[in-house]
Protein backbone atom coordinates (compact mmCIF):
# COMPACT_ATOMS: atom_id res chain seq x y z
CA MET A 1 39.04 -0.12 -7.05
CA THR A 2 42.21 -0.75 -9.07
CA LEU A 3 42.38 -3.89 -11.20
CA SER A 4 45.48 -5.92 -12.03
CA GLY A 5 45.01 -6.00 -15.76
CA ARG A 6 44.32 -9.70 -15.66
CA GLU A 7 40.97 -11.32 -14.79
CA ASP A 8 39.74 -9.87 -11.51
CA GLU A 9 36.60 -10.56 -9.51
CA PHE A 10 35.30 -8.42 -6.68
CA MET A 11 32.03 -8.53 -4.79
CA ALA A 12 31.30 -6.76 -1.52
CA LYS A 13 30.09 -9.18 1.14
CA PHE A 14 28.90 -6.77 3.81
CA GLY A 15 27.45 -3.90 1.81
CA TYR A 16 25.39 -3.10 -1.26
CA LYS A 17 24.93 -0.07 -3.46
CA GLY A 18 21.96 1.15 -5.40
CA PHE A 19 23.04 2.68 -8.70
CA ARG A 20 22.00 3.36 -12.25
CA TYR A 21 25.30 3.99 -14.02
CA VAL A 22 28.82 2.56 -13.81
CA GLU A 23 31.90 4.55 -14.77
CA VAL A 24 34.99 2.67 -15.97
CA SER A 25 38.26 4.51 -16.51
CA SER A 26 41.45 2.95 -17.82
CA SER A 27 45.11 3.95 -18.20
CA ALA A 28 45.13 2.31 -21.62
CA ALA A 29 42.67 1.78 -24.44
CA ILE A 30 40.27 -1.09 -23.80
CA ALA A 31 37.25 -2.49 -25.58
CA LEU A 32 34.08 -2.43 -23.49
CA ASP A 33 30.60 -3.63 -24.31
CA SER A 34 27.53 -4.47 -22.25
CA SER A 35 28.91 -7.91 -21.41
CA ALA A 36 32.05 -6.51 -19.75
CA VAL A 37 30.29 -5.53 -16.51
CA THR A 38 27.75 -7.61 -14.62
CA ALA A 39 25.46 -6.07 -12.01
CA TYR A 40 23.72 -8.27 -9.46
CA PHE A 41 20.19 -7.45 -8.30
CA MET A 42 20.49 -8.15 -4.59
CA HIS A 43 17.54 -8.44 -2.21
CA SER A 44 16.01 -10.71 0.39
CA ASP A 45 15.01 -14.09 -1.02
CA VAL A 46 11.24 -13.80 -1.44
CA SER A 47 9.28 -15.85 -3.97
CA ALA A 48 7.14 -14.03 -6.54
CA ILE A 49 3.49 -15.04 -5.98
CA GLY A 50 1.61 -12.36 -7.94
CA GLN A 51 1.42 -12.00 -11.72
CA LEU A 52 -0.05 -9.24 -13.85
CA LYS A 53 -0.39 -8.76 -17.58
CA THR A 54 -2.79 -6.35 -19.24
CA SER A 55 -3.36 -4.70 -22.61
CA SER A 56 -1.99 -1.45 -21.14
CA ALA A 57 1.76 -1.04 -21.53
CA LEU A 58 1.68 1.67 -18.84
CA VAL A 59 -0.05 -0.56 -16.27
CA ASN A 60 2.43 -3.36 -16.99
CA LYS A 61 5.42 -1.01 -16.63
CA LEU A 62 4.05 0.52 -13.43
CA TRP A 63 3.62 -2.93 -11.91
CA THR A 64 7.17 -3.90 -12.90
CA ALA A 65 8.62 -0.63 -11.61
CA THR A 66 6.81 -1.05 -8.31
CA ASN A 67 8.18 -4.56 -7.87
CA ASN A 68 11.68 -3.37 -8.83
CA ALA A 69 11.48 -0.67 -6.18
CA TYR A 70 10.15 -3.09 -3.59
CA LEU A 71 12.82 -5.73 -4.12
CA SER A 72 15.73 -3.32 -4.31
CA ASN A 73 14.54 -1.87 -1.00
CA LEU A 74 14.22 -5.26 0.70
CA MET A 75 17.44 -6.19 2.44
CA GLY A 76 16.48 -8.02 5.62
CA TYR A 77 13.69 -5.49 6.16
CA PRO A 78 11.96 -2.90 3.96
CA THR A 79 14.10 0.20 3.47
CA ASP A 80 13.53 3.65 2.06
CA CYS A 81 16.20 3.59 -0.68
CA PRO A 82 19.17 1.40 -1.63
CA GLN A 83 21.54 4.18 -2.62
CA ARG A 84 21.35 6.66 0.27
CA GLU A 85 20.00 5.97 3.76
CA LYS A 86 18.96 2.29 3.49
CA ASN A 87 16.89 2.85 6.63
CA GLY A 88 13.84 0.91 7.74
CA TRP A 89 11.45 3.85 7.67
CA THR A 90 8.24 2.51 9.11
CA GLY A 91 5.87 4.61 7.04
CA ASP A 92 7.29 3.30 3.77
CA GLY A 93 6.86 -0.23 5.15
CA HIS A 94 3.17 -0.14 6.01
CA LEU A 95 2.10 2.08 3.11
CA ALA A 96 3.37 -0.59 0.72
CA ILE A 97 2.42 -3.70 2.72
CA GLU A 98 -0.47 -4.82 0.50
CA THR A 99 1.63 -4.37 -2.63
CA ALA A 100 4.31 -6.46 -0.95
CA LEU A 101 2.00 -9.31 0.07
CA TYR A 102 0.14 -9.52 -3.25
CA ASN A 103 3.41 -9.88 -5.13
CA PHE A 104 5.85 -11.72 -2.88
CA ASP A 105 5.84 -14.39 -0.18
CA GLY A 106 7.50 -12.15 2.40
CA ILE A 107 5.89 -13.30 5.65
CA THR A 108 9.20 -14.27 7.26
CA VAL A 109 10.73 -10.87 6.46
CA TYR A 110 7.86 -9.13 8.22
CA GLU A 111 7.84 -11.53 11.17
CA LYS A 112 11.49 -10.64 11.66
CA TRP A 113 10.82 -6.91 11.26
CA MET A 114 8.00 -7.03 13.79
CA ALA A 115 10.45 -8.64 16.23
CA ASP A 116 12.70 -5.62 15.58
CA HIS A 117 9.74 -3.39 16.43
CA ARG A 118 9.26 -5.16 19.72
CA ASP A 119 12.97 -4.79 20.50
CA GLU A 120 12.98 -1.05 19.70
CA GLN A 121 9.79 -0.13 21.54
CA GLN A 122 10.37 1.91 24.68
CA GLU A 123 8.70 0.98 27.95
CA ASN A 124 6.23 3.84 27.56
CA GLY A 125 5.09 2.42 24.21
CA VAL A 126 6.89 4.83 21.88
CA LEU A 127 8.43 3.45 18.70
CA PRO A 128 11.06 5.06 16.49
CA ASP A 129 10.08 5.71 12.89
CA ILE A 130 13.27 3.97 11.74
CA ILE A 131 13.51 0.29 12.70
CA PRO A 132 16.06 -1.08 13.43
CA THR A 133 17.83 2.03 14.67
CA GLY A 134 21.00 3.07 16.40
CA GLY A 135 19.09 5.91 18.01
CA TRP A 136 17.82 7.98 15.09
CA GLY A 137 14.03 7.96 14.89
CA TYR A 138 13.02 8.78 18.46
CA GLY A 139 12.07 12.37 17.74
CA THR A 140 8.96 14.48 17.98
CA ALA A 141 7.29 13.34 14.75
CA ASN A 142 7.69 9.55 15.04
CA GLY A 143 3.96 9.17 15.42
CA LEU A 144 0.93 7.32 14.20
CA ASP A 145 1.10 7.82 10.45
CA TRP A 146 4.50 6.13 10.44
CA THR A 147 4.80 3.82 13.46
CA SER A 148 1.36 2.26 13.02
CA THR A 149 3.42 -0.51 11.40
CA ILE A 150 3.15 -2.23 14.80
CA ALA A 151 -0.59 -2.75 14.19
CA ILE A 152 -1.14 -2.54 10.42
CA ILE A 153 1.48 -5.05 9.28
CA PRO A 154 0.53 -7.89 11.69
CA TRP A 155 -3.11 -7.28 10.76
CA GLN A 156 -2.36 -7.51 7.04
CA ILE A 157 -0.30 -10.68 7.55
CA TYR A 158 -3.36 -12.16 9.24
CA GLN A 159 -5.58 -11.09 6.34
CA PHE A 160 -3.29 -12.50 3.66
CA TYR A 161 -2.09 -15.68 5.37
CA GLY A 162 -4.85 -16.42 7.87
CA ASP A 163 -2.08 -16.80 10.45
CA PRO A 164 -2.66 -14.76 13.63
CA ARG A 165 0.76 -15.48 15.15
CA ALA A 166 2.39 -12.15 14.24
CA LEU A 167 -0.67 -10.32 15.53
CA GLU A 168 -0.62 -12.31 18.76
CA GLU A 169 3.11 -11.74 19.25
CA CYS A 170 2.63 -7.97 18.82
CA TYR A 171 -0.63 -7.74 20.80
CA LEU A 172 0.87 -6.32 24.01
CA ASN A 173 3.07 -3.96 21.99
CA ILE A 174 0.08 -2.60 20.06
CA LYS A 175 -1.74 -2.20 23.34
CA ARG A 176 1.17 -0.35 24.95
CA TYR A 177 1.42 1.90 21.89
CA VAL A 178 -2.28 2.74 21.76
CA ASP A 179 -2.35 3.33 25.51
CA TYR A 180 0.57 5.77 25.20
CA VAL A 181 -1.19 7.78 22.49
CA ASP A 182 -4.42 7.70 24.50
CA GLY A 183 -2.52 9.10 27.48
CA ILE A 184 -1.11 12.06 25.55
CA SER A 185 -4.31 12.60 23.53
CA PRO A 186 -7.23 12.37 25.98
CA SER A 187 -9.60 14.13 23.58
CA GLY A 188 -9.13 11.41 20.96
CA LEU A 189 -7.31 13.80 18.63
CA THR A 190 -3.56 13.87 18.17
CA THR A 191 -0.89 15.73 16.21
CA PHE A 192 1.66 12.95 16.81
CA GLY A 193 2.95 12.27 13.30
CA ARG A 194 4.71 13.54 10.19
CA GLY A 195 1.70 14.27 8.02
CA ASP A 196 1.14 13.76 4.31
CA TRP A 197 4.81 13.59 3.37
CA VAL A 198 5.98 15.03 -0.01
CA PRO A 199 2.64 16.28 -1.32
CA VAL A 200 2.32 17.65 -4.84
CA LYS A 201 0.94 21.02 -3.75
CA SER A 202 -1.84 20.97 -1.15
CA GLN A 203 -0.93 20.63 2.52
CA SER A 204 -3.30 18.51 4.59
CA ASN A 205 -4.18 18.81 8.26
CA LEU A 206 -1.71 16.89 10.45
CA GLU A 207 -4.17 16.43 13.31
CA LEU A 208 -6.76 14.93 10.98
CA THR A 209 -4.46 12.36 9.38
CA SER A 210 -2.66 11.42 12.62
CA SER A 211 -5.98 10.98 14.42
CA VAL A 212 -7.27 8.73 11.64
CA TYR A 213 -4.27 6.44 12.14
CA PHE A 214 -4.95 6.49 15.89
CA TYR A 215 -8.44 5.24 15.03
CA VAL A 216 -6.99 2.55 12.76
CA ASP A 217 -4.70 1.25 15.51
CA ALA A 218 -7.44 1.23 18.14
CA THR A 219 -9.76 -0.59 15.72
CA ILE A 220 -7.14 -3.24 14.91
CA LEU A 221 -6.43 -3.66 18.62
CA ALA A 222 -10.13 -4.18 19.38
CA ALA A 223 -10.42 -6.71 16.54
CA ALA A 224 -7.33 -8.57 17.78
CA ALA A 225 -8.74 -8.62 21.32
CA LYS A 226 -11.94 -10.16 19.96
CA LEU A 227 -9.96 -12.75 17.99
CA PHE A 228 -7.97 -13.81 21.04
CA GLY A 229 -10.90 -13.75 23.45
CA TYR A 230 -9.83 -10.75 25.52
CA THR A 231 -13.36 -9.50 26.14
CA ALA A 232 -12.50 -6.62 28.48
CA ASP A 233 -9.88 -5.29 26.07
CA GLN A 234 -12.26 -5.68 23.15
CA GLN A 235 -14.87 -3.53 24.88
CA LYS A 236 -12.30 -0.97 26.02
CA TYR A 237 -10.77 -0.41 22.59
CA GLU A 238 -14.04 -0.52 20.71
CA LEU A 239 -15.15 2.37 22.93
CA LEU A 240 -11.83 4.14 22.31
CA SER A 241 -12.09 3.77 18.56
CA GLU A 242 -15.62 5.20 18.62
CA LYS A 243 -14.41 8.07 20.78
CA ILE A 244 -11.65 8.88 18.29
CA LYS A 245 -14.02 8.61 15.33
CA THR A 246 -16.56 10.90 17.02
CA ALA A 247 -13.86 13.45 17.86
CA ILE A 248 -12.52 13.48 14.30
CA ASN A 249 -15.95 14.01 12.78
CA ALA A 250 -16.92 16.63 15.36
CA LYS A 251 -13.88 18.77 14.59
CA PHE A 252 -13.12 18.16 10.93
CA LEU A 253 -16.33 17.13 9.14
CA ASP A 254 -18.57 19.87 7.80
CA ALA A 255 -21.72 17.77 7.56
CA SER A 256 -23.58 20.46 5.61
CA LYS A 257 -21.02 20.22 2.80
CA GLY A 258 -19.63 16.70 3.19
CA VAL A 259 -16.09 18.04 3.46
CA TYR A 260 -13.26 17.26 5.88
CA SER A 261 -11.02 20.15 6.93
CA ASN A 262 -10.12 22.13 3.78
CA GLY A 263 -11.21 19.39 1.42
CA THR A 264 -7.88 18.37 -0.10
CA GLN A 265 -7.67 15.03 -1.90
CA THR A 266 -5.88 13.59 1.13
CA GLU A 267 -8.29 15.08 3.69
CA LEU A 268 -11.25 13.52 1.86
CA SER A 269 -9.72 10.16 0.90
CA VAL A 270 -7.99 9.23 4.16
CA PRO A 271 -11.19 9.29 6.31
CA LEU A 272 -13.08 7.46 3.54
CA TYR A 273 -10.51 4.72 3.08
CA TRP A 274 -9.97 4.05 6.77
CA GLY A 275 -13.68 3.95 7.70
CA VAL A 276 -14.02 7.17 9.68
CA VAL A 277 -16.82 8.73 7.59
CA PRO A 278 -20.33 8.13 9.01
CA ASN A 279 -22.36 5.82 6.76
CA GLU A 280 -24.92 8.48 5.96
CA MET A 281 -22.18 10.86 4.80
CA LYS A 282 -20.07 8.51 2.67
CA ALA A 283 -21.83 9.22 -0.63
CA ARG A 284 -21.50 12.96 -0.21
CA VAL A 285 -17.85 12.89 0.88
CA ALA A 286 -17.02 10.52 -1.99
CA ALA A 287 -18.78 12.80 -4.47
CA ASN A 288 -16.73 15.72 -3.21
CA LEU A 289 -13.55 13.68 -3.55
CA ASN A 290 -14.48 12.75 -7.10
CA LYS A 291 -15.17 16.40 -7.91
CA LYS A 292 -11.83 17.42 -6.41
CA VAL A 293 -10.01 14.92 -8.61
CA GLU A 294 -11.95 15.99 -11.70
CA GLU A 295 -10.86 19.58 -11.00
CA THR A 296 -7.24 18.50 -11.43
CA ASN A 297 -8.12 16.72 -14.70
CA PHE A 298 -7.56 13.36 -13.00
CA HIS A 299 -4.16 14.19 -11.55
CA LEU A 300 -2.80 13.54 -8.08
CA ASP A 301 -2.52 16.24 -5.43
CA VAL A 302 -1.41 14.09 -2.51
CA GLY A 303 1.58 12.98 -0.47
CA VAL A 304 2.25 9.48 0.82
CA LEU A 305 -0.87 9.19 3.01
CA GLY A 306 -3.16 10.32 0.23
CA ALA A 307 -1.40 8.08 -2.29
CA LYS A 308 -2.31 5.11 -0.10
CA ALA A 309 -5.95 6.15 0.30
CA LEU A 310 -7.03 7.96 -2.87
CA LEU A 311 -7.52 5.17 -5.43
CA ASN A 312 -9.13 2.87 -2.87
CA ALA A 313 -11.49 5.54 -1.56
CA LEU A 314 -12.67 6.31 -5.10
CA LYS A 315 -12.97 2.70 -6.24
CA ASP A 316 -14.74 1.52 -3.08
CA ASN A 317 -17.28 4.34 -3.15
CA GLY A 318 -18.62 4.24 -6.69
CA TYR A 319 -15.93 6.12 -8.63
CA ALA A 320 -13.85 3.33 -10.14
CA THR A 321 -13.67 5.12 -13.50
CA THR A 322 -12.11 8.16 -11.88
CA ALA A 323 -9.69 6.00 -9.89
CA TYR A 324 -8.49 4.21 -13.01
CA LYS A 325 -8.00 7.48 -14.89
CA VAL A 326 -5.79 8.72 -12.05
CA ALA A 327 -3.88 5.43 -11.89
CA VAL A 328 -2.98 5.51 -15.60
CA GLN A 329 -2.48 9.27 -15.92
CA ASP A 330 0.82 9.91 -17.70
CA THR A 331 1.30 13.66 -17.35
CA TYR A 332 2.56 15.50 -14.27
CA PRO A 333 1.76 14.86 -11.47
CA SER A 334 1.12 11.12 -11.64
CA TRP A 335 2.72 7.69 -11.28
CA GLY A 336 2.69 7.36 -15.06
CA TRP A 337 4.66 10.59 -15.48
CA TRP A 338 7.64 8.82 -13.94
CA ILE A 339 7.30 5.89 -16.35
CA VAL A 340 7.06 7.95 -19.55
CA ASN A 341 10.20 9.76 -18.39
CA GLY A 342 12.14 6.51 -18.22
CA ALA A 343 11.77 5.42 -14.60
CA THR A 344 12.15 1.71 -13.91
CA THR A 345 11.53 2.09 -10.17
CA LEU A 346 9.27 4.41 -8.17
CA LEU A 347 10.53 7.85 -7.15
CA GLU A 348 10.54 9.85 -3.92
CA ASN A 349 9.03 12.99 -5.45
CA TRP A 350 6.29 13.59 -7.99
CA ASP A 351 8.34 16.50 -9.39
CA LEU A 352 11.26 15.36 -11.57
CA LYS A 353 12.91 18.77 -11.04
CA ALA A 354 12.61 18.81 -7.25
CA THR A 355 15.66 19.91 -5.26
CA ARG A 356 15.02 17.73 -2.20
CA ASP A 357 13.44 14.31 -1.65
CA ILE A 358 14.93 13.27 -4.98
CA SER A 359 15.67 9.55 -4.66
CA ASP A 360 14.96 7.65 -7.86
CA ASN A 361 14.27 4.41 -5.98
CA HIS A 362 11.72 4.72 -3.18
CA MET A 363 8.74 2.62 -2.11
CA MET A 364 6.62 5.07 -0.11
CA PHE A 365 4.28 5.74 -3.07
CA GLY A 366 4.06 1.98 -3.72
CA GLU A 367 0.33 1.37 -3.17
CA ILE A 368 -0.21 1.52 -6.94
CA GLY A 369 1.18 -2.00 -7.50
CA GLY A 370 -1.16 -3.60 -4.97
CA TRP A 371 -4.11 -1.52 -6.15
CA PHE A 372 -4.04 -3.21 -9.55
CA PHE A 373 -4.66 -6.54 -7.81
CA LYS A 374 -7.53 -5.03 -5.80
CA SER A 375 -9.13 -3.22 -8.74
CA ILE A 376 -8.41 -4.65 -12.20
CA GLY A 377 -8.09 -8.10 -10.66
CA GLY A 378 -10.50 -7.39 -7.81
CA ILE A 379 -8.86 -10.08 -5.63
CA LEU A 380 -9.45 -9.32 -1.95
CA PRO A 381 -9.23 -11.33 1.28
CA ASP A 382 -12.38 -11.68 3.35
CA PRO A 383 -11.78 -10.37 6.90
CA GLU A 384 -14.32 -12.91 8.15
CA GLN A 385 -12.41 -15.82 6.57
CA PRO A 386 -8.84 -14.53 6.19
CA GLY A 387 -6.01 -16.11 4.28
CA PHE A 388 -8.21 -16.26 1.14
CA LYS A 389 -10.26 -19.12 2.54
CA HIS A 390 -13.06 -17.04 1.06
CA VAL A 391 -12.14 -14.69 -1.77
CA LEU A 392 -13.93 -11.43 -2.45
CA LEU A 393 -13.89 -10.71 -6.18
CA LYS A 394 -14.57 -7.03 -6.82
CA PRO A 395 -12.98 -6.27 -10.20
CA ILE A 396 -13.40 -3.15 -12.27
CA PHE A 397 -13.69 -3.26 -16.06
CA PRO A 398 -12.36 0.05 -17.42
CA GLN A 399 -13.46 0.54 -21.00
CA GLU A 400 -9.97 1.86 -21.83
CA LEU A 401 -8.55 -1.58 -20.97
CA LYS A 402 -9.20 -4.43 -23.38
CA GLU A 403 -7.92 -7.35 -21.33
CA SER A 404 -6.32 -8.25 -18.04
CA SER A 405 -4.84 -11.38 -16.49
CA ILE A 406 -4.00 -11.23 -12.78
CA SER A 407 -3.20 -14.15 -10.51
CA TYR A 408 -2.18 -14.58 -6.90
CA ASP A 409 -0.77 -17.68 -5.20
CA SER A 410 -2.76 -17.73 -1.98
CA PRO A 411 -2.18 -20.11 0.94
CA TYR A 412 -4.89 -22.33 -0.63
CA GLY A 413 -3.48 -22.18 -4.15
CA LYS A 414 -3.61 -20.01 -7.26
CA ILE A 415 -6.43 -17.48 -7.65
CA VAL A 416 -6.94 -16.28 -11.22
CA SER A 417 -8.99 -13.24 -12.26
CA GLU A 418 -8.81 -12.86 -16.04
CA TRP A 419 -11.04 -10.98 -18.43
CA LYS A 420 -11.36 -9.68 -21.99
CA LEU A 421 -13.53 -6.91 -23.37
CA LYS A 422 -15.08 -7.26 -26.82
CA ASP A 423 -17.99 -5.27 -28.19
CA LYS A 424 -19.19 -4.25 -24.72
CA MET A 425 -19.12 -7.85 -23.54
CA ILE A 426 -16.78 -9.03 -20.79
CA VAL A 427 -15.69 -12.67 -20.76
CA TYR A 428 -14.51 -13.20 -17.21
CA ASN A 429 -12.51 -16.32 -16.34
CA ILE A 430 -12.03 -17.17 -12.67
CA GLN A 431 -10.07 -19.86 -10.89
CA ILE A 432 -10.64 -20.59 -7.21
CA PRO A 433 -8.30 -23.05 -5.45
CA ALA A 434 -9.31 -26.21 -3.62
CA ASN A 435 -10.92 -25.80 -0.18
CA ALA A 436 -11.70 -22.14 -0.90
CA THR A 437 -14.79 -20.29 -2.10
CA ALA A 438 -15.45 -16.86 -3.60
CA THR A 439 -18.12 -14.24 -4.05
CA PHE A 440 -18.19 -12.13 -7.22
CA TYR A 441 -19.54 -8.59 -6.89
CA PRO A 442 -20.29 -7.04 -10.29
CA PRO A 443 -19.07 -3.46 -10.75
CA ASP A 444 -21.48 -0.60 -11.37
CA ASN A 445 -20.87 -0.54 -15.12
CA VAL A 446 -22.15 -4.11 -15.64
CA ARG A 447 -25.73 -4.51 -16.81
CA GLY A 448 -28.19 -6.74 -14.95
CA SER A 449 -25.71 -8.99 -13.15
CA ASP A 450 -26.18 -10.34 -9.64
CA ILE A 451 -23.74 -11.28 -6.91
CA VAL A 452 -22.45 -14.79 -7.68
CA GLN A 453 -21.29 -17.41 -5.19
CA LEU A 454 -18.44 -19.57 -6.51
CA GLU A 455 -17.02 -22.88 -5.34
CA ALA A 456 -13.48 -24.12 -5.95
CA GLY A 457 -12.71 -24.70 -9.62
CA LYS A 458 -12.75 -22.80 -12.90
CA HIS A 459 -15.64 -20.53 -13.86
CA ARG A 460 -16.59 -18.35 -16.81
CA LEU A 461 -18.98 -15.42 -16.59
CA VAL A 462 -20.19 -13.45 -19.62
CA LEU A 463 -21.15 -9.91 -18.68
CA GLU A 464 -22.49 -6.92 -20.59
CA LEU A 465 -21.20 -3.44 -19.92
CA LYS A 466 -23.68 -0.58 -19.71
């Protein structure tokens, strides 16, 4: 762009660029300072509805970086990066959906994107892994770990908003998709997918992870059928989900050891997080996952699928301390490693010296931002009363963290989960909005506390740590 030498204004109307630096060259000497160039942060207009502030500078910066990455990748639909492809990669979209919905009121964006899904779905049920697309994305790997957006996102909208419309509008599309996979995978196992994309080191079994997402989709479909009163479909897909679960465990679970496949962090956490592990085996599998993480000195050894599952699988199965140590790790490989090296968004690769997959603004590892709401804040929707009509409060109180204030503007109003640690005592302040209720579940490191039922209003609990 060549300027006139007078006062010029230019703004592209039909394009946008992700960038970090601006170069200005001039034919004559000019004085430039930071006020001479203005950059506009462009993204879809979504209201911020989640707030986080803790005593950990790293947690605060990670939350901010995650939101920066989310917004700069939200331009009509969630994209993979603002500076390169700008494509609606489906995997990135559903892996970050909870982070998105805890932090921003984006329901209309996702309703629109699900309409794009319905438009792009082929008659046989196949979806591209880029939506919308001009044709790219209908390949051989556009399978369950990516295109499960068609089931996972409408289900999460229902959980967060209590509004089943998106789920109902996508019901036949989910059904067509699941039926297609069932047709090509009669055993219940499938290799239709991309796998644990951009892992640190360990490769995880593609058939295991793809089959788990097949189970997830069939389970969501059965639950949707129950919600809408489609009894025959409910029975059909409940049987299918059990068939898939049985097939996964028969092939990949070594019951004598409590290990899936080769026992990578992803291979242990994905079945745990998505509910595939038999109840009697959960404790053993979780213990093996915890041991695997301890062996890396609380570092990640996962790709995108494991990054979604790992912290949740640990926290939900008795290893919240381990999960928090991983979340705030600041040496390679970790989320924090990016932050201490100056990142203000999330990256595409754990390795700062990688030679491929090197975007500095990606959202596919974005679960970390939502996990803080689910763990430090402990704010969770109740699947039995979605939309936060009933709030599940399951916070963790890491002894490394002195205080935390997390809030979320639910459809019923503001939920606040705020606590301070002093001399092994936790002062926990809770706010539940009108016409809603909550149940507080004390974490394992709290002494002698019971489950507490809470009505709307403000509450204070004083708890002692073990």
